[in-house]
PDB file of all heavy atoms in Angstrom:
ATOM      1  N   HIS A   1       8.144   2.340  -7.028  1.00  0.00           N
ATOM      2  CA  HIS A   1       9.039   1.905  -5.990  1.00  0.00           C
ATOM      3  C   HIS A   1       9.480   0.468  -6.283  1.00  0.00           C
ATOM      4  O   HIS A   1      10.608   0.072  -6.126  1.00  0.00           O
ATOM      5  CB  HIS A   1       8.337   2.136  -4.694  1.00  0.00           C
ATOM      6  CG  HIS A   1       9.225   1.806  -3.512  1.00  0.00           C
ATOM      7  ND1 HIS A   1      10.176   2.633  -3.057  1.00  0.00           N
ATOM      8  CD2 HIS A   1       9.169   0.829  -2.575  1.00  0.00           C
ATOM      9  CE1 HIS A   1      10.823   2.127  -2.014  1.00  0.00           C
ATOM     10  NE2 HIS A   1      10.215   1.016  -1.774  1.00  0.00           N
ATOM     11  N   ARG A   2       8.473  -0.390  -6.602  1.00  0.00           N
ATOM     12  CA  ARG A   2       8.777  -1.786  -6.765  1.00  0.00           C
ATOM     13  C   ARG A   2       9.583  -2.026  -8.039  1.00  0.00           C
ATOM     14  O   ARG A   2      10.136  -3.125  -8.262  1.00  0.00           O
ATOM     15  CB  ARG A   2       7.438  -2.631  -6.850  1.00  0.00           C
ATOM     16  CG  ARG A   2       6.823  -2.775  -5.510  1.00  0.00           C
ATOM     17  CD  ARG A   2       5.646  -3.740  -5.559  1.00  0.00           C
ATOM     18  NE  ARG A   2       4.604  -3.460  -6.564  1.00  0.00           N
ATOM     19  CZ  ARG A   2       3.626  -2.658  -6.401  1.00  0.00           C
ATOM     20  NH1 ARG A   2       3.437  -1.949  -5.237  1.00  0.00           N
ATOM     21  NH2 ARG A   2       2.766  -2.440  -7.377  1.00  0.00           N
ATOM     22  N   ALA A   3       9.657  -1.066  -8.962  1.00  0.00           N
ATOM     23  CA  ALA A   3      10.460  -1.203 -10.187  1.00  0.00           C
ATOM     24  C   ALA A   3      11.895  -1.321  -9.862  1.00  0.00           C
ATOM     25  O   ALA A   3      12.670  -1.885 -10.721  1.00  0.00           O
ATOM     26  CB  ALA A   3      10.241  -0.002 -11.120  1.00  0.00           C
ATOM     27  N   SER A   4      12.291  -0.883  -8.658  1.00  0.00           N
ATOM     28  CA  SER A   4      13.676  -1.047  -8.214  1.00  0.00           C
ATOM     29  C   SER A   4      13.941  -2.494  -7.737  1.00  0.00           C
ATOM     30  O   SER A   4      13.236  -2.921  -6.849  1.00  0.00           O
ATOM     31  CB  SER A   4      13.986  -0.056  -7.077  1.00  0.00           C
ATOM     32  OG  SER A   4      15.230  -0.390  -6.456  1.00  0.00           O
ATOM     33  N   PRO A   5      14.905  -3.178  -8.360  1.00  0.00           N
ATOM     34  CA  PRO A   5      15.120  -4.620  -7.941  1.00  0.00           C
ATOM     35  C   PRO A   5      15.410  -4.765  -6.400  1.00  0.00           C
ATOM     36  O   PRO A   5      14.949  -5.733  -5.884  1.00  0.00           O
ATOM     37  CB  PRO A   5      16.334  -5.060  -8.781  1.00  0.00           C
ATOM     38  CG  PRO A   5      16.384  -4.129  -9.975  1.00  0.00           C
ATOM     39  CD  PRO A   5      15.776  -2.799  -9.412  1.00  0.00           C
ATOM     40  N   GLU A   6      16.103  -3.796  -5.910  1.00  0.00           N
ATOM     41  CA  GLU A   6      16.499  -3.819  -4.434  1.00  0.00           C
ATOM     42  C   GLU A   6      15.254  -3.796  -3.600  1.00  0.00           C
ATOM     43  O   GLU A   6      15.105  -4.475  -2.538  1.00  0.00           O
ATOM     44  CB  GLU A   6      17.405  -2.842  -4.012  1.00  0.00           C
ATOM     45  CG  GLU A   6      18.794  -2.876  -4.730  1.00  0.00           C
ATOM     46  CD  GLU A   6      18.765  -2.064  -6.021  1.00  0.00           C
ATOM     47  OE1 GLU A   6      17.720  -1.429  -6.404  1.00  0.00           O
ATOM     48  OE2 GLU A   6      19.796  -2.008  -6.675  1.00  0.00           O
ATOM     49  N   CYS A   7      14.274  -2.989  -4.009  1.00  0.00           N
ATOM     50  CA  CYS A   7      13.031  -2.785  -3.162  1.00  0.00           C
ATOM     51  C   CYS A   7      11.994  -3.725  -3.482  1.00  0.00           C
ATOM     52  O   CYS A   7      11.147  -4.041  -2.625  1.00  0.00           O
ATOM     53  CB  CYS A   7      12.570  -1.366  -3.459  1.00  0.00           C
ATOM     54  SG  CYS A   7      13.636  -0.049  -2.978  1.00  0.00           S
ATOM     55  N   ASN A   8      12.009  -4.280  -4.698  1.00  0.00           N
ATOM     56  CA  ASN A   8      10.991  -5.201  -5.117  1.00  0.00           C
ATOM     57  C   ASN A   8      10.896  -6.431  -4.270  1.00  0.00           C
ATOM     58  O   ASN A   8       9.787  -6.949  -3.987  1.00  0.00           O
ATOM     59  CB  ASN A   8      11.160  -5.618  -6.595  1.00  0.00           C
ATOM     60  CG  ASN A   8       9.919  -6.476  -7.071  1.00  0.00           C
ATOM     61  OD1 ASN A   8       9.869  -7.671  -6.796  1.00  0.00           O
ATOM     62  ND2 ASN A   8       9.141  -5.837  -7.832  1.00  0.00           N
ATOM     63  N   ALA A   9      11.987  -6.994  -3.793  1.00  0.00           N
ATOM     64  CA  ALA A   9      12.025  -8.220  -3.017  1.00  0.00           C
ATOM     65  C   ALA A   9      11.139  -8.154  -1.796  1.00  0.00           C
ATOM     66  O   ALA A   9      10.464  -9.130  -1.491  1.00  0.00           O
ATOM     67  CB  ALA A   9      13.510  -8.458  -2.600  1.00  0.00           C
ATOM     68  N   CYS A  10      11.083  -7.040  -1.165  1.00  0.00           N
ATOM     69  CA  CYS A  10      10.201  -6.923   0.045  1.00  0.00           C
ATOM     70  C   CYS A  10       8.827  -6.401  -0.389  1.00  0.00           C
ATOM     71  O   CYS A  10       7.872  -6.929   0.063  1.00  0.00           O
ATOM     72  CB  CYS A  10      10.836  -5.872   1.007  1.00  0.00           C
ATOM     73  SG  CYS A  10      12.374  -6.415   1.749  1.00  0.00           S
ATOM     74  N   HIS A  11       8.796  -5.332  -1.147  1.00  0.00           N
ATOM     75  CA  HIS A  11       7.559  -4.686  -1.419  1.00  0.00           C
ATOM     76  C   HIS A  11       6.595  -5.368  -2.305  1.00  0.00           C
ATOM     77  O   HIS A  11       5.420  -5.154  -2.252  1.00  0.00           O
ATOM     78  CB  HIS A  11       7.823  -3.266  -1.963  1.00  0.00           C
ATOM     79  CG  HIS A  11       8.338  -2.332  -0.863  1.00  0.00           C
ATOM     80  ND1 HIS A  11       7.504  -1.654  -0.102  1.00  0.00           N
ATOM     81  CD2 HIS A  11       9.550  -2.035  -0.436  1.00  0.00           C
ATOM     82  CE1 HIS A  11       8.112  -0.966   0.811  1.00  0.00           C
ATOM     83  NE2 HIS A  11       9.452  -1.217   0.612  1.00  0.00           N
ATOM     84  N   GLN A  12       7.031  -6.323  -3.132  1.00  0.00           N
ATOM     85  CA  GLN A  12       6.097  -7.149  -3.855  1.00  0.00           C
ATOM     86  C   GLN A  12       5.104  -7.883  -2.993  1.00  0.00           C
ATOM     87  O   GLN A  12       4.001  -8.162  -3.470  1.00  0.00           O
ATOM     88  CB  GLN A  12       6.857  -8.088  -4.897  1.00  0.00           C
ATOM     89  CG  GLN A  12       7.525  -9.183  -4.212  1.00  0.00           C
ATOM     90  CD  GLN A  12       8.130 -10.076  -5.231  1.00  0.00           C
ATOM     91  OE1 GLN A  12       7.947 -10.090  -6.403  1.00  0.00           O
ATOM     92  NE2 GLN A  12       9.035 -11.011  -4.742  1.00  0.00           N
ATOM     93  N   THR A  13       5.485  -8.258  -1.861  1.00  0.00           N
ATOM     94  CA  THR A  13       4.633  -8.927  -0.899  1.00  0.00           C
ATOM     95  C   THR A  13       3.892  -7.971  -0.034  1.00  0.00           C
ATOM     96  O   THR A  13       2.710  -8.141   0.339  1.00  0.00           O
ATOM     97  CB  THR A  13       5.359 -10.038  -0.175  1.00  0.00           C
ATOM     98  OG1 THR A  13       6.388  -9.472   0.547  1.00  0.00           O
ATOM     99  CG2 THR A  13       5.851 -11.073  -1.051  1.00  0.00           C
ATOM    100  N   MET A  14       4.613  -7.028   0.589  1.00  0.00           N
ATOM    101  CA  MET A  14       4.044  -6.177   1.620  1.00  0.00           C
ATOM    102  C   MET A  14       2.988  -5.242   1.058  1.00  0.00           C
ATOM    103  O   MET A  14       1.947  -5.032   1.717  1.00  0.00           O
ATOM    104  CB  MET A  14       5.194  -5.355   2.302  1.00  0.00           C
ATOM    105  CG  MET A  14       6.101  -6.141   3.096  1.00  0.00           C
ATOM    106  SD  MET A  14       7.228  -5.154   4.030  1.00  0.00           S
ATOM    107  CE  MET A  14       7.924  -3.933   2.874  1.00  0.00           C
ATOM    108  N   ASP A  15       3.209  -4.647  -0.118  1.00  0.00           N
ATOM    109  CA  ASP A  15       2.350  -3.607  -0.685  1.00  0.00           C
ATOM    110  C   ASP A  15       1.011  -4.162  -0.916  1.00  0.00           C
ATOM    111  O   ASP A  15       0.009  -3.381  -0.818  1.00  0.00           O
ATOM    112  CB  ASP A  15       2.965  -3.035  -1.936  1.00  0.00           C
ATOM    113  CG  ASP A  15       4.248  -2.247  -1.736  1.00  0.00           C
ATOM    114  OD1 ASP A  15       4.574  -1.984  -0.514  1.00  0.00           O
ATOM    115  OD2 ASP A  15       4.876  -1.819  -2.705  1.00  0.00           O
ATOM    116  N   VAL A  16       0.796  -5.410  -1.356  1.00  0.00           N
ATOM    117  CA  VAL A  16      -0.461  -5.880  -1.711  1.00  0.00           C
ATOM    118  C   VAL A  16      -1.461  -5.826  -0.542  1.00  0.00           C
ATOM    119  O   VAL A  16      -2.648  -5.385  -0.740  1.00  0.00           O
ATOM    120  CB  VAL A  16      -0.347  -7.386  -2.172  1.00  0.00           C
ATOM    121  CG1 VAL A  16      -1.697  -7.965  -2.382  1.00  0.00           C
ATOM    122  CG2 VAL A  16       0.541  -7.485  -3.465  1.00  0.00           C
ATOM    123  N   ILE A  17      -1.050  -6.206   0.612  1.00  0.00           N
ATOM    124  CA  ILE A  17      -1.995  -6.119   1.786  1.00  0.00           C
ATOM    125  C   ILE A  17      -2.207  -4.696   2.204  1.00  0.00           C
ATOM    126  O   ILE A  17      -3.385  -4.314   2.432  1.00  0.00           O
ATOM    127  CB  ILE A  17      -1.430  -6.962   2.973  1.00  0.00           C
ATOM    128  CG1 ILE A  17      -1.495  -8.492   2.598  1.00  0.00           C
ATOM    129  CG2 ILE A  17      -2.194  -6.728   4.261  1.00  0.00           C
ATOM    130  CD1 ILE A  17      -0.895  -9.368   3.629  1.00  0.00           C
ATOM    131  N   GLY A  18      -1.185  -3.894   2.108  1.00  0.00           N
ATOM    132  CA  GLY A  18      -1.443  -2.475   2.392  1.00  0.00           C
ATOM    133  C   GLY A  18      -2.389  -1.796   1.475  1.00  0.00           C
ATOM    134  O   GLY A  18      -3.286  -1.031   1.850  1.00  0.00           O
ATOM    135  N   LEU A  19      -2.210  -2.085   0.207  1.00  0.00           N
ATOM    136  CA  LEU A  19      -3.179  -1.474  -0.788  1.00  0.00           C
ATOM    137  C   LEU A  19      -4.547  -1.982  -0.627  1.00  0.00           C
ATOM    138  O   LEU A  19      -5.532  -1.317  -0.879  1.00  0.00           O
ATOM    139  CB  LEU A  19      -2.550  -1.776  -2.228  1.00  0.00           C
ATOM    140  CG  LEU A  19      -1.389  -0.917  -2.648  1.00  0.00           C
ATOM    141  CD1 LEU A  19      -0.796  -1.440  -3.910  1.00  0.00           C
ATOM    142  CD2 LEU A  19      -1.747   0.543  -2.686  1.00  0.00           C
ATOM    143  N   GLY A  20      -4.666  -3.302  -0.201  1.00  0.00           N
ATOM    144  CA  GLY A  20      -6.001  -3.823   0.085  1.00  0.00           C
ATOM    145  C   GLY A  20      -6.755  -3.160   1.233  1.00  0.00           C
ATOM    146  O   GLY A  20      -7.995  -3.124   1.295  1.00  0.00           O
ATOM    147  N   LEU A  21      -5.967  -2.467   2.047  1.00  0.00           N
ATOM    148  CA  LEU A  21      -6.581  -1.683   3.225  1.00  0.00           C
ATOM    149  C   LEU A  21      -6.547  -0.250   2.949  1.00  0.00           C
ATOM    150  O   LEU A  21      -6.831   0.516   3.880  1.00  0.00           O
ATOM    151  CB  LEU A  21      -5.732  -2.022   4.521  1.00  0.00           C
ATOM    152  CG  LEU A  21      -5.848  -3.598   4.853  1.00  0.00           C
ATOM    153  CD1 LEU A  21      -4.896  -3.810   6.000  1.00  0.00           C
ATOM    154  CD2 LEU A  21      -7.259  -3.966   5.252  1.00  0.00           C
ATOM    155  N   GLU A  22      -6.180   0.166   1.768  1.00  0.00           N
ATOM    156  CA  GLU A  22      -6.016   1.620   1.507  1.00  0.00           C
ATOM    157  C   GLU A  22      -7.232   2.450   1.625  1.00  0.00           C
ATOM    158  O   GLU A  22      -7.205   3.650   1.844  1.00  0.00           O
ATOM    159  CB  GLU A  22      -5.350   1.840   0.137  1.00  0.00           C
ATOM    160  CG  GLU A  22      -4.882   3.288  -0.044  1.00  0.00           C
ATOM    161  CD  GLU A  22      -4.315   3.609  -1.446  1.00  0.00           C
ATOM    162  OE1 GLU A  22      -4.270   2.664  -2.326  1.00  0.00           O
ATOM    163  OE2 GLU A  22      -3.902   4.685  -1.657  1.00  0.00           O
ATOM    164  N   ASN A  23      -8.382   1.839   1.490  1.00  0.00           N
ATOM    165  CA  ASN A  23      -9.671   2.589   1.688  1.00  0.00           C
ATOM    166  C   ASN A  23      -9.761   3.191   3.099  1.00  0.00           C
ATOM    167  O   ASN A  23     -10.603   4.005   3.377  1.00  0.00           O
ATOM    168  CB  ASN A  23     -10.884   1.785   1.451  1.00  0.00           C
ATOM    169  CG  ASN A  23     -11.181   1.574   0.010  1.00  0.00           C
ATOM    170  OD1 ASN A  23     -11.229   0.472  -0.573  1.00  0.00           O
ATOM    171  ND2 ASN A  23     -11.333   2.699  -0.709  1.00  0.00           N
ATOM    172  N   TYR A  24      -8.901   2.725   4.064  1.00  0.00           N
ATOM    173  CA  TYR A  24      -8.987   3.222   5.422  1.00  0.00           C
ATOM    174  C   TYR A  24      -7.751   4.102   5.681  1.00  0.00           C
ATOM    175  O   TYR A  24      -6.636   3.702   5.424  1.00  0.00           O
ATOM    176  CB  TYR A  24      -9.001   2.056   6.413  1.00  0.00           C
ATOM    177  CG  TYR A  24     -10.206   1.231   6.201  1.00  0.00           C
ATOM    178  CD1 TYR A  24     -10.148   0.132   5.294  1.00  0.00           C
ATOM    179  CD2 TYR A  24     -11.441   1.459   6.718  1.00  0.00           C
ATOM    180  CE1 TYR A  24     -11.212  -0.715   5.119  1.00  0.00           C
ATOM    181  CE2 TYR A  24     -12.571   0.801   6.459  1.00  0.00           C
ATOM    182  CZ  TYR A  24     -12.480  -0.379   5.652  1.00  0.00           C
ATOM    183  OH  TYR A  24     -13.551  -1.079   5.347  1.00  0.00           O
ATOM    184  N   ASP A  25      -8.041   5.358   6.086  1.00  0.00           N
ATOM    185  CA  ASP A  25      -6.914   6.264   6.373  1.00  0.00           C
ATOM    186  C   ASP A  25      -6.224   5.911   7.694  1.00  0.00           C
ATOM    187  O   ASP A  25      -6.529   4.893   8.331  1.00  0.00           O
ATOM    188  CB  ASP A  25      -7.411   7.710   6.309  1.00  0.00           C
ATOM    189  CG  ASP A  25      -8.323   8.065   7.456  1.00  0.00           C
ATOM    190  OD1 ASP A  25      -8.415   7.338   8.414  1.00  0.00           O
ATOM    191  OD2 ASP A  25      -8.953   9.228   7.371  1.00  0.00           O
ATOM    192  N   ALA A  26      -5.334   6.803   8.181  1.00  0.00           N
ATOM    193  CA  ALA A  26      -4.527   6.483   9.307  1.00  0.00           C
ATOM    194  C   ALA A  26      -5.277   6.333  10.610  1.00  0.00           C
ATOM    195  O   ALA A  26      -4.810   5.640  11.460  1.00  0.00           O
ATOM    196  CB  ALA A  26      -3.488   7.626   9.485  1.00  0.00           C
ATOM    197  N   ILE A  27      -6.522   6.901  10.650  1.00  0.00           N
ATOM    198  CA  ILE A  27      -7.336   6.769  11.857  1.00  0.00           C
ATOM    199  C   ILE A  27      -8.504   5.770  11.630  1.00  0.00           C
ATOM    200  O   ILE A  27      -9.438   5.652  12.428  1.00  0.00           O
ATOM    201  CB  ILE A  27      -7.816   8.056  12.394  1.00  0.00           C
ATOM    202  CG1 ILE A  27      -8.692   8.805  11.412  1.00  0.00           C
ATOM    203  CG2 ILE A  27      -6.649   8.919  12.890  1.00  0.00           C
ATOM    204  CD1 ILE A  27      -9.443  10.013  11.927  1.00  0.00           C
ATOM    205  N   GLY A  28      -8.484   5.056  10.472  1.00  0.00           N
ATOM    206  CA  GLY A  28      -9.492   4.023  10.218  1.00  0.00           C
ATOM    207  C   GLY A  28     -10.694   4.563   9.626  1.00  0.00           C
ATOM    208  O   GLY A  28     -11.673   3.856   9.443  1.00  0.00           O
ATOM    209  N   GLU A  29     -10.774   5.791   9.165  1.00  0.00           N
ATOM    210  CA  GLU A  29     -11.940   6.322   8.424  1.00  0.00           C
ATOM    211  C   GLU A  29     -11.977   5.781   6.997  1.00  0.00           C
ATOM    212  O   GLU A  29     -10.928   5.824   6.344  1.00  0.00           O
ATOM    213  CB  GLU A  29     -11.957   7.843   8.479  1.00  0.00           C
ATOM    214  CG  GLU A  29     -13.196   8.425   7.991  1.00  0.00           C
ATOM    215  CD  GLU A  29     -13.199   9.910   8.168  1.00  0.00           C
ATOM    216  OE1 GLU A  29     -12.510  10.500   8.982  1.00  0.00           O
ATOM    217  OE2 GLU A  29     -14.026  10.573   7.499  1.00  0.00           O
ATOM    218  N   PHE A  30     -13.126   5.369   6.580  1.00  0.00           N
ATOM    219  CA  PHE A  30     -13.262   4.897   5.186  1.00  0.00           C
ATOM    220  C   PHE A  30     -13.217   6.061   4.171  1.00  0.00           C
ATOM    221  O   PHE A  30     -13.722   7.174   4.471  1.00  0.00           O
ATOM    222  CB  PHE A  30     -14.610   4.099   5.081  1.00  0.00           C
ATOM    223  CG  PHE A  30     -14.726   3.486   3.729  1.00  0.00           C
ATOM    224  CD1 PHE A  30     -14.158   2.214   3.555  1.00  0.00           C
ATOM    225  CD2 PHE A  30     -15.356   4.078   2.622  1.00  0.00           C
ATOM    226  CE1 PHE A  30     -14.166   1.519   2.258  1.00  0.00           C
ATOM    227  CE2 PHE A  30     -15.477   3.425   1.409  1.00  0.00           C
ATOM    228  CZ  PHE A  30     -14.881   2.175   1.252  1.00  0.00           C
ATOM    229  N   ARG A  31     -12.520   5.851   3.107  1.00  0.00           N
ATOM    230  CA  ARG A  31     -12.473   6.823   2.029  1.00  0.00           C
ATOM    231  C   ARG A  31     -12.429   6.142   0.756  1.00  0.00           C
ATOM    232  O   ARG A  31     -12.068   4.952   0.660  1.00  0.00           O
ATOM    233  CB  ARG A  31     -11.199   7.726   2.216  1.00  0.00           C
ATOM    234  CG  ARG A  31      -9.867   6.822   2.209  1.00  0.00           C
ATOM    235  CD  ARG A  31      -8.683   7.540   2.627  1.00  0.00           C
ATOM    236  NE  ARG A  31      -7.483   6.650   2.436  1.00  0.00           N
ATOM    237  CZ  ARG A  31      -6.346   7.068   2.139  1.00  0.00           C
ATOM    238  NH1 ARG A  31      -6.139   8.329   1.892  1.00  0.00           N
ATOM    239  NH2 ARG A  31      -5.415   6.167   2.056  1.00  0.00           N
ATOM    240  N   THR A  32     -12.788   6.863  -0.273  1.00  0.00           N
ATOM    241  CA  THR A  32     -12.797   6.333  -1.675  1.00  0.00           C
ATOM    242  C   THR A  32     -11.694   6.996  -2.557  1.00  0.00           C
ATOM    243  O   THR A  32     -11.351   6.472  -3.544  1.00  0.00           O
ATOM    244  CB  THR A  32     -14.132   6.381  -2.328  1.00  0.00           C
ATOM    245  OG1 THR A  32     -14.509   7.804  -2.357  1.00  0.00           O
ATOM    246  CG2 THR A  32     -15.174   5.606  -1.638  1.00  0.00           C
ATOM    247  N   MET A  33     -11.216   8.192  -2.096  1.00  0.00           N
ATOM    248  CA  MET A  33     -10.213   8.920  -2.767  1.00  0.00           C
ATOM    249  C   MET A  33      -9.000   9.014  -1.956  1.00  0.00           C
ATOM    250  O   MET A  33      -9.041   9.182  -0.744  1.00  0.00           O
ATOM    251  CB  MET A  33     -10.715  10.315  -3.183  1.00  0.00           C
ATOM    252  CG  MET A  33     -12.059  10.305  -3.868  1.00  0.00           C
ATOM    253  SD  MET A  33     -12.023   9.544  -5.506  1.00  0.00           S
ATOM    254  CE  MET A  33     -11.349  10.775  -6.516  1.00  0.00           C
ATOM    255  N   ASP A  34      -7.778   8.982  -2.582  1.00  0.00           N
ATOM    256  CA  ASP A  34      -6.544   9.130  -1.829  1.00  0.00           C
ATOM    257  C   ASP A  34      -6.253  10.604  -1.643  1.00  0.00           C
ATOM    258  O   ASP A  34      -6.999  11.517  -2.067  1.00  0.00           O
ATOM    259  CB  ASP A  34      -5.377   8.354  -2.484  1.00  0.00           C
ATOM    260  CG  ASP A  34      -4.974   8.915  -3.810  1.00  0.00           C
ATOM    261  OD1 ASP A  34      -5.323  10.008  -4.157  1.00  0.00           O
ATOM    262  OD2 ASP A  34      -4.191   8.251  -4.551  1.00  0.00           O
ATOM    263  N   ALA A  35      -5.044  10.933  -1.014  1.00  0.00           N
ATOM    264  CA  ALA A  35      -4.672  12.303  -0.705  1.00  0.00           C
ATOM    265  C   ALA A  35      -4.600  13.174  -1.973  1.00  0.00           C
ATOM    266  O   ALA A  35      -4.644  14.361  -1.914  1.00  0.00           O
ATOM    267  CB  ALA A  35      -3.365  12.287   0.013  1.00  0.00           C
TER     268      ALA A  35
END
């Protein structure tokens, strides 16, 4: 997604924090594997 220049401007900053919290699913349960 970030490979697109139009999307990279926003997502290069937003995605980092989201990925840092990815171990927690939508209801806050800890997980080690994604969907």
